[in-house]
Amino acid sequence: MADKAPTKSKSTGGIVARALFLVLPLALPAAFWSSHIQTYLTSQFQSSVSTAPKPAIPAVEPPTGWTPEACAAHQYTTEIVSLDPLVIYINNFTSQLEAEGLVKAGYVFPPIPYSCVPLINLRPNSEPDFEDSVISHYSGLRKVTGRTSQSAPLEPDLPLVSCILGRARKFMGSMLLPHEPFSTPQLVRYFPSQKYDLHTDFWPAHQLMPDGSGRLFNRVASFFVFLRANCTDGYTYFPEVDVLDRDAERSGGGGGNLGAVWKGKAERGERQGEKKGVRFKPIAGNALFWVNLDGKGRGDQRLIHAGLPVGEGEKVGMNLWPRKFYASDE
């Protein structure tokens, strides 16, 4: 009997080993794909491996008095700032009620993509989840010293947000095809001395859609909507949009009347001690629209712009970026 005990143990161990050999290939992927394991992965890796469905949208009440019908009937007016490059000023793009509702919608959702957070991290009706703003770089998202604001995403399926996106799409007309989407709307918040140095919104090279379709896209245009303007300074500045520079040279250098027409909204900016370009004062509900790319998908460097430092108070804006698709050989 003493001679057979090791044989039995060896046999049992062999069965266990074979069982583990068969089970582990199934168990390891299950563990790997679990949300608990994914929590410890980097954000970029999480977004590539997550198969969890998008969390349900927390219940968010629209602003009191707001209705989809009123949103659809909303009226605004426009002023062409520059034809080449195309820059348009939009008066009353959102009502004051809508502007505040959009800011409050930023109190609901986490400031990173759904695929990068476990469901338990959703904190509806909590403090606003603004986090330090970053820039999109070919190597990923990066924080830079030239951008010191905070940002938060807006859930596109919220009724108020969806209506504003529809308004922006209608504004663009045939410039954006029905199947071409908007990026997730982004709130940006500035406190005293916070800024965003000169930059462009388009990418130098078209970006690959993350849906596996192989399509390339870029930000064909931009909307920047002022939602809160309880501040001094904090202008949005375009140094290479020269309409006011050219206007100042009219009448033998005596200047035209554009400065008076736009008084309180826009004025000449200053760069390195020289009067140059145009800067726009934050006015809640008003917006700027500009076209980033030409008909061949090439970026226009004249649309370089900055969010100048806020003096006192708070400025909150919203970025809307329509995505246009491009062929790989363009």
C-alpha atoms as a PDB file:
ATOM      1  CA  MET A   1       0.000   0.000   0.000  1.00  0.00           C
ATOM      2  CA  ALA A   2       2.839   2.341   0.835  1.00  0.00           C
ATOM      3  CA  ASP A   3       4.237   1.787  -2.665  1.00  0.00           C
ATOM      4  CA  LYS A   4       0.914   2.748  -4.352  1.00  0.00           C
ATOM      5  CA  ALA A   5       0.222   6.010  -2.526  1.00  0.00           C
ATOM      6  CA  PRO A   6       2.649   8.088  -4.603  1.00  0.00           C
ATOM      7  CA  THR A   7       1.145   6.621  -7.795  1.00  0.00           C
ATOM      8  CA  LYS A   8      -2.326   7.735  -6.740  1.00  0.00           C
ATOM      9  CA  SER A   9      -1.055  11.205  -5.858  1.00  0.00           C
ATOM     10  CA  LYS A  10       0.737  11.483  -9.177  1.00  0.00           C
ATOM     11  CA  SER A  11      -2.430  10.415 -10.991  1.00  0.00           C
ATOM     12  CA  THR A  12      -4.542  12.968  -9.107  1.00  0.00           C
ATOM     13  CA  GLY A  13      -1.999  15.685  -9.784  1.00  0.00           C
ATOM     14  CA  GLY A  14      -2.019  14.818 -13.470  1.00  0.00           C
ATOM     15  CA  ILE A  15      -5.790  15.139 -13.625  1.00  0.00           C
ATOM     16  CA  VAL A  16      -5.669  18.525 -11.874  1.00  0.00           C
ATOM     17  CA  ALA A  17      -2.910  19.722 -14.198  1.00  0.00           C
ATOM     18  CA  ARG A  18      -4.862  18.658 -17.262  1.00  0.00           C
ATOM     19  CA  ALA A  19      -7.986  20.334 -15.913  1.00  0.00           C
ATOM     20  CA  LEU A  20      -6.132  23.580 -15.314  1.00  0.00           C
ATOM     21  CA  PHE A  21      -4.633  23.349 -18.787  1.00  0.00           C
ATOM     22  CA  LEU A  22      -8.132  23.177 -20.245  1.00  0.00           C
ATOM     23  CA  VAL A  23      -9.768  25.776 -17.949  1.00  0.00           C
ATOM     24  CA  LEU A  24      -7.112  28.500 -17.775  1.00  0.00           C
ATOM     25  CA  PRO A  25      -7.401  29.582 -21.409  1.00  0.00           C
ATOM     26  CA  LEU A  26     -11.063  30.256 -20.728  1.00  0.00           C
ATOM     27  CA  ALA A  27     -10.676  31.713 -17.246  1.00  0.00           C
ATOM     28  CA  LEU A  28      -7.862  34.146 -17.980  1.00  0.00           C
ATOM     29  CA  PRO A  29      -9.700  36.080 -20.716  1.00  0.00           C
ATOM     30  CA  ALA A  30     -12.774  36.285 -18.506  1.00  0.00           C
ATOM     31  CA  ALA A  31     -10.693  37.726 -15.682  1.00  0.00           C
ATOM     32  CA  PHE A  32      -8.827  40.024 -18.052  1.00  0.00           C
ATOM     33  CA  TRP A  33     -12.040  41.466 -19.525  1.00  0.00           C
ATOM     34  CA  SER A  34     -13.664  42.049 -16.130  1.00  0.00           C
ATOM     35  CA  SER A  35     -14.198  45.655 -15.113  1.00  0.00           C
ATOM     36  CA  HIS A  36     -12.254  45.046 -11.897  1.00  0.00           C
ATOM     37  CA  ILE A  37      -9.101  44.095 -13.781  1.00  0.00           C
ATOM     38  CA  GLN A  38      -9.592  46.839 -16.347  1.00  0.00           C
ATOM     39  CA  THR A  39      -9.603  49.435 -13.589  1.00  0.00           C
ATOM     40  CA  TYR A  40      -5.848  48.922 -13.224  1.00  0.00           C
ATOM     41  CA  LEU A  41      -5.085  49.262 -16.934  1.00  0.00           C
ATOM     42  CA  THR A  42      -4.070  52.504 -18.608  1.00  0.00           C
ATOM     43  CA  SER A  43      -6.920  54.562 -20.045  1.00  0.00           C
ATOM     44  CA  GLN A  44      -5.839  53.983 -23.652  1.00  0.00           C
ATOM     45  CA  PHE A  45      -5.612  50.225 -23.106  1.00  0.00           C
ATOM     46  CA  GLN A  46      -8.963  50.152 -21.330  1.00  0.00           C
ATOM     47  CA  SER A  47     -10.630  51.845 -24.275  1.00  0.00           C
ATOM     48  CA  SER A  48      -9.260  49.213 -26.624  1.00  0.00           C
ATOM     49  CA  VAL A  49     -10.286  46.178 -24.574  1.00  0.00           C
ATOM     50  CA  SER A  50     -13.553  47.232 -22.968  1.00  0.00           C
ATOM     51  CA  THR A  51     -16.664  45.397 -24.161  1.00  0.00           C
ATOM     52  CA  ALA A  52     -18.990  46.790 -21.518  1.00  0.00           C
ATOM     53  CA  PRO A  53     -22.073  48.513 -22.904  1.00  0.00           C
ATOM     54  CA  LYS A  54     -22.308  52.261 -22.542  1.00  0.00           C
ATOM     55  CA  PRO A  55     -23.809  53.051 -19.121  1.00  0.00           C
ATOM     56  CA  ALA A  56     -27.359  54.275 -19.058  1.00  0.00           C
ATOM     57  CA  ILE A  57     -27.660  58.039 -19.023  1.00  0.00           C
ATOM     58  CA  PRO A  58     -28.443  59.249 -15.495  1.00  0.00           C
ATOM     59  CA  ALA A  59     -31.741  61.066 -15.230  1.00  0.00           C
ATOM     60  CA  VAL A  60     -31.094  64.768 -15.775  1.00  0.00           C
ATOM     61  CA  GLU A  61     -33.924  67.225 -15.607  1.00  0.00           C
ATOM     62  CA  PRO A  62     -33.824  69.903 -18.337  1.00  0.00           C
ATOM     63  CA  PRO A  63     -33.818  73.524 -17.182  1.00  0.00           C
ATOM     64  CA  THR A  64     -37.116  74.683 -15.747  1.00  0.00           C
ATOM     65  CA  GLY A  65     -39.146  76.217 -18.541  1.00  0.00           C
ATOM     66  CA  TRP A  66     -37.132  74.575 -21.316  1.00  0.00           C
ATOM     67  CA  THR A  67     -38.924  72.386 -23.855  1.00  0.00           C
ATOM     68  CA  PRO A  68     -37.740  70.667 -27.037  1.00  0.00           C
ATOM     69  CA  GLU A  69     -40.314  72.722 -28.951  1.00  0.00           C
ATOM     70  CA  ALA A  70     -38.884  75.989 -27.616  1.00  0.00           C
ATOM     71  CA  CYS A  71     -35.371  74.802 -28.439  1.00  0.00           C
ATOM     72  CA  ALA A  72     -36.349  73.941 -32.008  1.00  0.00           C
ATOM     73  CA  ALA A  73     -37.987  77.349 -32.453  1.00  0.00           C
ATOM     74  CA  HIS A  74     -35.025  79.299 -31.027  1.00  0.00           C
ATOM     75  CA  GLN A  75     -33.836  82.220 -33.159  1.00  0.00           C
ATOM     76  CA  TYR A  76     -30.371  83.708 -33.548  1.00  0.00           C
ATOM     77  CA  THR A  77     -28.687  86.229 -35.838  1.00  0.00           C
ATOM     78  CA  THR A  78     -25.297  86.159 -37.525  1.00  0.00           C
ATOM     79  CA  GLU A  79     -22.608  88.611 -38.584  1.00  0.00           C
ATOM     80  CA  ILE A  80     -19.831  87.707 -41.011  1.00  0.00           C
ATOM     81  CA  VAL A  81     -16.551  88.715 -39.402  1.00  0.00           C
ATOM     82  CA  SER A  82     -14.309  87.488 -42.212  1.00  0.00           C
ATOM     83  CA  LEU A  83     -14.958  85.799 -45.558  1.00  0.00           C
ATOM     84  CA  ASP A  84     -11.433  84.519 -46.063  1.00  0.00           C
ATOM     85  CA  PRO A  85     -10.886  82.778 -43.734  1.00  0.00           C
ATOM     86  CA  LEU A  86     -14.546  82.318 -42.908  1.00  0.00           C
ATOM     87  CA  VAL A  87     -15.376  83.480 -39.370  1.00  0.00           C
ATOM     88  CA  ILE A  88     -18.975  84.132 -38.312  1.00  0.00           C
ATOM     89  CA  TYR A  89     -20.234  85.735 -35.103  1.00  0.00           C
ATOM     90  CA  ILE A  90     -23.534  84.267 -33.857  1.00  0.00           C
ATOM     91  CA  ASN A  91     -25.716  86.379 -31.589  1.00  0.00           C
ATOM     92  CA  ASN A  92     -27.903  84.435 -29.146  1.00  0.00           C
ATOM     93  CA  PHE A  93     -26.812  81.018 -30.397  1.00  0.00           C
ATOM     94  CA  THR A  94     -28.168  79.712 -27.094  1.00  0.00           C
ATOM     95  CA  SER A  95     -30.680  81.316 -24.781  1.00  0.00           C
ATOM     96  CA  GLN A  96     -29.545  82.178 -21.261  1.00  0.00           C
ATOM     97  CA  LEU A  97     -31.655  79.286 -19.995  1.00  0.00           C
ATOM     98  CA  GLU A  98     -29.945  76.879 -22.386  1.00  0.00           C
ATOM     99  CA  ALA A  99     -26.489  78.240 -21.570  1.00  0.00           C
ATOM    100  CA  GLU A 100     -26.914  77.596 -17.849  1.00  0.00           C
ATOM    101  CA  GLY A 101     -28.521  74.227 -18.532  1.00  0.00           C
ATOM    102  CA  LEU A 102     -25.490  73.162 -20.570  1.00  0.00           C
ATOM    103  CA  VAL A 103     -23.109  74.187 -17.788  1.00  0.00           C
ATOM    104  CA  LYS A 104     -25.135  72.233 -15.235  1.00  0.00           C
ATOM    105  CA  ALA A 105     -25.143  69.189 -17.538  1.00  0.00           C
ATOM    106  CA  GLY A 106     -21.396  69.062 -16.918  1.00  0.00           C
ATOM    107  CA  TYR A 107     -22.159  68.164 -13.303  1.00  0.00           C
ATOM    108  CA  VAL A 108     -23.317  64.692 -14.282  1.00  0.00           C
ATOM    109  CA  PHE A 109     -20.713  62.801 -16.235  1.00  0.00           C
ATOM    110  CA  PRO A 110     -17.102  61.806 -15.654  1.00  0.00           C
ATOM    111  CA  PRO A 111     -14.488  63.754 -17.631  1.00  0.00           C
ATOM    112  CA  ILE A 112     -13.135  60.719 -19.532  1.00  0.00           C
ATOM    113  CA  PRO A 113     -14.674  58.352 -22.102  1.00  0.00           C
ATOM    114  CA  TYR A 114     -17.266  55.847 -20.872  1.00  0.00           C
ATOM    115  CA  SER A 115     -15.092  52.941 -21.935  1.00  0.00           C
ATOM    116  CA  CYS A 116     -12.356  54.124 -19.566  1.00  0.00           C
ATOM    117  CA  VAL A 117     -14.321  54.107 -16.296  1.00  0.00           C
ATOM    118  CA  PRO A 118     -16.156  51.476 -14.277  1.00  0.00           C
ATOM    119  CA  LEU A 119     -19.885  52.060 -13.948  1.00  0.00           C
ATOM    120  CA  ILE A 120     -19.520  52.741 -10.213  1.00  0.00           C
ATOM    121  CA  ASN A 121     -17.564  55.922 -10.994  1.00  0.00           C
ATOM    122  CA  LEU A 122     -20.601  57.666 -12.461  1.00  0.00           C
ATOM    123  CA  ARG A 123     -21.721  60.282  -9.991  1.00  0.00           C
ATOM    124  CA  PRO A 124     -24.975  61.864 -11.140  1.00  0.00           C
ATOM    125  CA  ASN A 125     -25.921  65.148  -9.468  1.00  0.00           C
ATOM    126  CA  SER A 126     -22.482  65.478  -7.853  1.00  0.00           C
ATOM    127  CA  GLU A 127     -20.033  68.346  -8.015  1.00  0.00           C
ATOM    128  CA  PRO A 128     -18.919  69.165 -11.572  1.00  0.00           C
ATOM    129  CA  ASP A 129     -16.341  66.738 -12.867  1.00  0.00           C
ATOM    130  CA  PHE A 130     -14.068  69.255 -14.561  1.00  0.00           C
ATOM    131  CA  GLU A 131     -10.467  68.131 -14.817  1.00  0.00           C
ATOM    132  CA  ASP A 132      -7.320  69.773 -16.134  1.00  0.00           C
ATOM    133  CA  SER A 133      -7.600  70.340 -19.869  1.00  0.00           C
ATOM    134  CA  VAL A 134      -5.349  68.360 -22.195  1.00  0.00           C
ATOM    135  CA  ILE A 135      -4.472  68.499 -25.877  1.00  0.00           C
ATOM    136  CA  SER A 136      -4.894  65.723 -28.418  1.00  0.00           C
ATOM    137  CA  HIS A 137      -1.482  64.581 -29.665  1.00  0.00           C
ATOM    138  CA  TYR A 138      -0.531  61.782 -32.056  1.00  0.00           C
ATOM    139  CA  SER A 139       0.880  59.924 -29.025  1.00  0.00           C
ATOM    140  CA  GLY A 140      -2.291  60.415 -26.974  1.00  0.00           C
ATOM    141  CA  LEU A 141      -3.739  63.043 -24.661  1.00  0.00           C
ATOM    142  CA  ARG A 142      -1.193  65.355 -23.084  1.00  0.00           C
ATOM    143  CA  LYS A 143      -1.295  68.108 -20.462  1.00  0.00           C
ATOM    144  CA  VAL A 144       0.701  71.165 -21.493  1.00  0.00           C
ATOM    145  CA  THR A 145       1.644  74.373 -19.696  1.00  0.00           C
ATOM    146  CA  GLY A 146       0.006  76.482 -22.415  1.00  0.00           C
ATOM    147  CA  ARG A 147      -3.468  75.204 -21.531  1.00  0.00           C
ATOM    148  CA  THR A 148      -4.459  75.787 -17.912  1.00  0.00           C
ATOM    149  CA  SER A 149      -8.268  75.575 -18.060  1.00  0.00           C
ATOM    150  CA  GLN A 150     -10.448  72.662 -16.953  1.00  0.00           C
ATOM    151  CA  SER A 151     -12.667  70.572 -19.233  1.00  0.00           C
ATOM    152  CA  ALA A 152     -15.658  68.249 -18.979  1.00  0.00           C
ATOM    153  CA  PRO A 153     -17.610  66.319 -21.650  1.00  0.00           C
ATOM    154  CA  LEU A 154     -21.301  66.647 -22.340  1.00  0.00           C
ATOM    155  CA  GLU A 155     -23.382  63.559 -23.047  1.00  0.00           C
ATOM    156  CA  PRO A 156     -24.673  64.046 -26.624  1.00  0.00           C
ATOM    157  CA  ASP A 157     -27.889  62.105 -25.949  1.00  0.00           C
ATOM    158  CA  LEU A 158     -29.188  64.496 -23.286  1.00  0.00           C
ATOM    159  CA  PRO A 159     -32.199  66.281 -24.830  1.00  0.00           C
ATOM    160  CA  LEU A 160     -30.750  69.774 -24.377  1.00  0.00           C
ATOM    161  CA  VAL A 161     -27.323  68.817 -25.733  1.00  0.00           C
ATOM    162  CA  SER A 162     -28.881  66.901 -28.623  1.00  0.00           C
ATOM    163  CA  CYS A 163     -30.982  69.922 -29.571  1.00  0.00           C
ATOM    164  CA  ILE A 164     -27.950  72.260 -29.551  1.00  0.00           C
ATOM    165  CA  LEU A 165     -26.010  69.798 -31.712  1.00  0.00           C
ATOM    166  CA  GLY A 166     -28.953  69.726 -34.116  1.00  0.00           C
ATOM    167  CA  ARG A 167     -28.933  73.527 -34.208  1.00  0.00           C
ATOM    168  CA  ALA A 168     -25.226  73.527 -35.036  1.00  0.00           C
ATOM    169  CA  ARG A 169     -25.707  70.908 -37.749  1.00  0.00           C
ATOM    170  CA  LYS A 170     -28.531  72.913 -39.323  1.00  0.00           C
ATOM    171  CA  PHE A 171     -26.333  76.025 -39.233  1.00  0.00           C
ATOM    172  CA  MET A 172     -23.683  74.196 -41.296  1.00  0.00           C
ATOM    173  CA  GLY A 173     -26.139  73.181 -44.023  1.00  0.00           C
ATOM    174  CA  SER A 174     -24.584  70.987 -46.727  1.00  0.00           C
ATOM    175  CA  MET A 175     -21.103  71.471 -45.296  1.00  0.00           C
ATOM    176  CA  LEU A 176     -21.658  68.433 -43.044  1.00  0.00           C
ATOM    177  CA  LEU A 177     -23.224  65.290 -44.500  1.00  0.00           C
ATOM    178  CA  PRO A 178     -25.899  63.400 -42.532  1.00  0.00           C
ATOM    179  CA  HIS A 179     -23.558  60.507 -41.685  1.00  0.00           C
ATOM    180  CA  GLU A 180     -20.758  62.784 -40.477  1.00  0.00           C
ATOM    181  CA  PRO A 181     -20.872  63.218 -36.686  1.00  0.00           C
ATOM    182  CA  PHE A 182     -19.828  65.752 -34.097  1.00  0.00           C
ATOM    183  CA  SER A 183     -17.182  64.971 -31.517  1.00  0.00           C
ATOM    184  CA  THR A 184     -18.427  64.773 -27.931  1.00  0.00           C
ATOM    185  CA  PRO A 185     -19.195  68.374 -26.908  1.00  0.00           C
ATOM    186  CA  GLN A 186     -16.645  69.785 -24.464  1.00  0.00           C
ATOM    187  CA  LEU A 187     -17.145  72.318 -21.695  1.00  0.00           C
ATOM    188  CA  VAL A 188     -14.130  74.456 -20.814  1.00  0.00           C
ATOM    189  CA  ARG A 189     -13.868  76.542 -17.658  1.00  0.00           C
ATOM    190  CA  TYR A 190     -11.445  79.367 -16.921  1.00  0.00           C
ATOM    191  CA  PHE A 191     -10.710  81.013 -13.581  1.00  0.00           C
ATOM    192  CA  PRO A 192      -8.418  84.037 -13.014  1.00  0.00           C
ATOM    193  CA  SER A 193      -5.125  83.839 -14.985  1.00  0.00           C
ATOM    194  CA  GLN A 194      -6.161  80.615 -16.728  1.00  0.00           C
ATOM    195  CA  LYS A 195      -5.663  80.537 -20.491  1.00  0.00           C
ATOM    196  CA  TYR A 196      -5.119  78.513 -23.654  1.00  0.00           C
ATOM    197  CA  ASP A 197      -2.177  79.730 -25.718  1.00  0.00           C
ATOM    198  CA  LEU A 198      -2.250  80.008 -29.518  1.00  0.00           C
ATOM    199  CA  HIS A 199      -3.324  76.776 -31.226  1.00  0.00           C
ATOM    200  CA  THR A 200      -5.406  75.397 -34.080  1.00  0.00           C
ATOM    201  CA  ASP A 201      -8.345  73.015 -33.693  1.00  0.00           C
ATOM    202  CA  PHE A 202      -7.545  70.808 -36.681  1.00  0.00           C
ATOM    203  CA  TRP A 203      -4.966  68.028 -36.760  1.00  0.00           C
ATOM    204  CA  PRO A 204      -2.017  68.305 -39.198  1.00  0.00           C
ATOM    205  CA  ALA A 205      -2.858  64.783 -40.366  1.00  0.00           C
ATOM    206  CA  HIS A 206      -6.326  63.247 -40.572  1.00  0.00           C
ATOM    207  CA  GLN A 207      -7.165  60.953 -37.672  1.00  0.00           C
ATOM    208  CA  LEU A 208      -8.329  57.333 -37.760  1.00  0.00           C
ATOM    209  CA  MET A 209     -11.844  56.738 -36.470  1.00  0.00           C
ATOM    210  CA  PRO A 210     -11.728  54.496 -33.368  1.00  0.00           C
ATOM    211  CA  ASP A 211     -14.672  52.382 -34.547  1.00  0.00           C
ATOM    212  CA  GLY A 212     -12.612  50.011 -36.688  1.00  0.00           C
ATOM    213  CA  SER A 213     -14.081  51.350 -39.933  1.00  0.00           C
ATOM    214  CA  GLY A 214     -10.737  52.615 -41.221  1.00  0.00           C
ATOM    215  CA  ARG A 215     -12.245  56.013 -41.998  1.00  0.00           C
ATOM    216  CA  LEU A 216     -10.184  59.179 -41.596  1.00  0.00           C
ATOM    217  CA  PHE A 217     -11.621  62.379 -40.140  1.00  0.00           C
ATOM    218  CA  ASN A 218     -10.678  65.885 -39.112  1.00  0.00           C
ATOM    219  CA  ARG A 219     -12.330  68.910 -37.521  1.00  0.00           C
ATOM    220  CA  VAL A 220     -13.617  70.719 -40.576  1.00  0.00           C
ATOM    221  CA  ALA A 221     -14.941  73.629 -38.512  1.00  0.00           C
ATOM    222  CA  SER A 222     -15.375  74.831 -34.937  1.00  0.00           C
ATOM    223  CA  PHE A 223     -18.054  76.404 -32.788  1.00  0.00           C
ATOM    224  CA  PHE A 224     -17.045  78.106 -29.563  1.00  0.00           C
ATOM    225  CA  VAL A 225     -20.062  79.067 -27.473  1.00  0.00           C
ATOM    226  CA  PHE A 226     -19.813  81.405 -24.486  1.00  0.00           C
ATOM    227  CA  LEU A 227     -22.009  79.951 -21.734  1.00  0.00           C
ATOM    228  CA  ARG A 228     -20.911  81.948 -18.684  1.00  0.00           C
ATOM    229  CA  ALA A 229     -19.150  85.283 -18.862  1.00  0.00           C
ATOM    230  CA  ASN A 230     -18.959  86.401 -15.239  1.00  0.00           C
ATOM    231  CA  CYS A 231     -15.435  87.674 -15.794  1.00  0.00           C
ATOM    232  CA  THR A 232     -13.139  90.398 -16.967  1.00  0.00           C
ATOM    233  CA  ASP A 233     -10.858  89.829 -19.964  1.00  0.00           C
ATOM    234  CA  GLY A 234     -10.820  86.209 -21.160  1.00  0.00           C
ATOM    235  CA  TYR A 235     -11.117  87.192 -24.820  1.00  0.00           C
ATOM    236  CA  THR A 236     -10.913  84.668 -27.666  1.00  0.00           C
ATOM    237  CA  TYR A 237      -8.155  86.008 -29.901  1.00  0.00           C
ATOM    238  CA  PHE A 238      -7.412  85.433 -33.610  1.00  0.00           C
ATOM    239  CA  PRO A 239      -4.149  87.271 -34.444  1.00  0.00           C
ATOM    240  CA  GLU A 240      -4.205  86.385 -38.171  1.00  0.00           C
ATOM    241  CA  VAL A 241      -7.818  87.360 -38.897  1.00  0.00           C
ATOM    242  CA  ASP A 242      -7.003  90.821 -40.162  1.00  0.00           C
ATOM    243  CA  VAL A 243     -10.380  92.461 -40.875  1.00  0.00           C
ATOM    244  CA  LEU A 244      -9.898  95.124 -38.213  1.00  0.00           C
ATOM    245  CA  ASP A 245      -6.286  95.648 -39.246  1.00  0.00           C
ATOM    246  CA  ARG A 246      -7.383  96.384 -42.816  1.00  0.00           C
ATOM    247  CA  ASP A 247     -10.279  98.478 -41.557  1.00  0.00           C
ATOM    248  CA  ALA A 248      -7.872 100.618 -39.520  1.00  0.00           C
ATOM    249  CA  GLU A 249      -5.883 101.389 -42.673  1.00  0.00           C
ATOM    250  CA  ARG A 250      -8.865 102.777 -44.557  1.00  0.00           C
ATOM    251  CA  SER A 251      -9.375 106.514 -45.135  1.00  0.00           C
ATOM    252  CA  GLY A 252      -5.673 107.231 -45.157  1.00  0.00           C
ATOM    253  CA  GLY A 253      -5.059 105.434 -41.938  1.00  0.00           C
ATOM    254  CA  GLY A 254      -7.917 107.120 -40.152  1.00  0.00           C
ATOM    255  CA  GLY A 255      -9.820 103.880 -39.901  1.00  0.00           C
ATOM    256  CA  GLY A 256     -13.232 102.660 -40.974  1.00  0.00           C
ATOM    257  CA  ASN A 257     -16.279 101.983 -38.823  1.00  0.00           C
ATOM    258  CA  LEU A 258     -16.069  98.257 -38.086  1.00  0.00           C
ATOM    259  CA  GLY A 259     -14.659  98.933 -34.649  1.00  0.00           C
ATOM    260  CA  ALA A 260     -17.735 100.994 -33.809  1.00  0.00           C
ATOM    261  CA  VAL A 261     -20.107  98.425 -35.304  1.00  0.00           C
ATOM    262  CA  TRP A 262     -18.629  95.647 -33.180  1.00  0.00           C
ATOM    263  CA  LYS A 263     -18.067  97.730 -30.066  1.00  0.00           C
ATOM    264  CA  GLY A 264     -18.683  95.639 -26.970  1.00  0.00           C
ATOM    265  CA  LYS A 265     -18.287  92.373 -28.935  1.00  0.00           C
ATOM    266  CA  ALA A 266     -14.955  92.522 -30.762  1.00  0.00           C
ATOM    267  CA  GLU A 267     -11.906  94.746 -30.978  1.00  0.00           C
ATOM    268  CA  ARG A 268      -8.360  94.702 -32.287  1.00  0.00           C
ATOM    269  CA  GLY A 269      -6.033  92.469 -30.338  1.00  0.00           C
ATOM    270  CA  GLU A 270      -2.392  92.898 -29.493  1.00  0.00           C
ATOM    271  CA  ARG A 271       0.515  90.549 -30.060  1.00  0.00           C
ATOM    272  CA  GLN A 272       4.068  91.270 -28.971  1.00  0.00           C
ATOM    273  CA  GLY A 273       3.252  94.932 -28.468  1.00  0.00           C
ATOM    274  CA  GLU A 274       1.658  95.378 -31.903  1.00  0.00           C
ATOM    275  CA  LYS A 275      -2.029  95.965 -32.654  1.00  0.00           C
ATOM    276  CA  LYS A 276      -3.008  92.888 -34.625  1.00  0.00           C
ATOM    277  CA  GLY A 277      -5.963  90.621 -35.356  1.00  0.00           C
ATOM    278  CA  VAL A 278      -9.332  90.515 -33.638  1.00  0.00           C
ATOM    279  CA  ARG A 279     -10.396  89.410 -30.186  1.00  0.00           C
ATOM    280  CA  PHE A 280     -13.917  88.600 -29.013  1.00  0.00           C
ATOM    281  CA  LYS A 281     -15.358  89.450 -25.620  1.00  0.00           C
ATOM    282  CA  PRO A 282     -17.112  86.639 -23.716  1.00  0.00           C
ATOM    283  CA  ILE A 283     -20.876  87.257 -23.870  1.00  0.00           C
ATOM    284  CA  ALA A 284     -23.064  84.448 -22.554  1.00  0.00           C
ATOM    285  CA  GLY A 285     -25.167  82.827 -25.274  1.00  0.00           C
ATOM    286  CA  ASN A 286     -23.150  84.196 -28.188  1.00  0.00           C
ATOM    287  CA  ALA A 287     -20.852  82.032 -30.281  1.00  0.00           C
ATOM    288  CA  LEU A 288     -18.105  81.991 -32.876  1.00  0.00           C
ATOM    289  CA  PHE A 289     -17.989  79.709 -35.909  1.00  0.00           C
ATOM    290  CA  TRP A 290     -15.009  79.268 -38.196  1.00  0.00           C
ATOM    291  CA  VAL A 291     -13.907  76.879 -40.948  1.00  0.00           C
ATOM    292  CA  ASN A 292     -10.647  75.055 -40.229  1.00  0.00           C
ATOM    293  CA  LEU A 293     -10.091  73.146 -43.488  1.00  0.00           C
ATOM    294  CA  ASP A 294     -10.337  73.974 -47.160  1.00  0.00           C
ATOM    295  CA  GLY A 295     -12.160  71.875 -49.776  1.00  0.00           C
ATOM    296  CA  LYS A 296      -9.239  69.464 -50.019  1.00  0.00           C
ATOM    297  CA  GLY A 297      -9.013  68.935 -46.271  1.00  0.00           C
ATOM    298  CA  ARG A 298      -5.974  71.148 -45.723  1.00  0.00           C
ATOM    299  CA  GLY A 299      -5.753  73.151 -42.512  1.00  0.00           C
ATOM    300  CA  ASP A 300      -5.808  76.948 -42.519  1.00  0.00           C
ATOM    301  CA  GLN A 301      -3.110  78.297 -40.208  1.00  0.00           C
ATOM    302  CA  ARG A 302      -4.776  81.713 -40.233  1.00  0.00           C
ATOM    303  CA  LEU A 303      -7.317  80.260 -37.813  1.00  0.00           C
ATOM    304  CA  ILE A 304      -4.742  80.025 -35.043  1.00  0.00           C
ATOM    305  CA  HIS A 305      -6.388  81.380 -31.899  1.00  0.00           C
ATOM    306  CA  ALA A 306      -6.038  81.663 -28.136  1.00  0.00           C
ATOM    307  CA  GLY A 307      -8.160  81.860 -25.022  1.00  0.00           C
ATOM    308  CA  LEU A 308      -6.590  84.878 -23.347  1.00  0.00           C
ATOM    309  CA  PRO A 309      -6.190  84.850 -19.535  1.00  0.00           C
ATOM    310  CA  VAL A 310      -9.247  85.654 -17.449  1.00  0.00           C
ATOM    311  CA  GLY A 311      -8.789  88.671 -15.191  1.00  0.00           C
ATOM    312  CA  GLU A 312     -11.394  88.179 -12.484  1.00  0.00           C
ATOM    313  CA  GLY A 313     -14.340  85.831 -12.204  1.00  0.00           C
ATOM    314  CA  GLU A 314     -15.257  82.753 -14.259  1.00  0.00           C
ATOM    315  CA  LYS A 315     -15.674  82.004 -17.961  1.00  0.00           C
ATOM    316  CA  VAL A 316     -17.281  78.805 -19.231  1.00  0.00           C
ATOM    317  CA  GLY A 317     -17.442  77.936 -22.912  1.00  0.00           C
ATOM    318  CA  MET A 318     -18.396  74.968 -25.056  1.00  0.00           C
ATOM    319  CA  ASN A 319     -16.470  73.482 -27.976  1.00  0.00           C
ATOM    320  CA  LEU A 320     -18.421  71.820 -30.786  1.00  0.00           C
ATOM    321  CA  TRP A 321     -16.281  70.092 -33.411  1.00  0.00           C
ATOM    322  CA  PRO A 322     -17.979  68.651 -36.516  1.00  0.00           C
ATOM    323  CA  ARG A 323     -16.059  65.722 -38.013  1.00  0.00           C
ATOM    324  CA  LYS A 324     -15.708  65.397 -41.771  1.00  0.00           C
ATOM    325  CA  PHE A 325     -14.525  62.166 -43.379  1.00  0.00           C
ATOM    326  CA  TYR A 326     -11.677  62.110 -45.887  1.00  0.00           C
ATOM    327  CA  ALA A 327     -10.267  59.502 -48.271  1.00  0.00           C
ATOM    328  CA  SER A 328      -6.947  57.969 -47.275  1.00  0.00           C
ATOM    329  CA  ASP A 329      -5.132  59.394 -50.288  1.00  0.00           C
ATOM    330  CA  GLU A 330      -6.033  63.004 -49.507  1.00  0.00           C
END
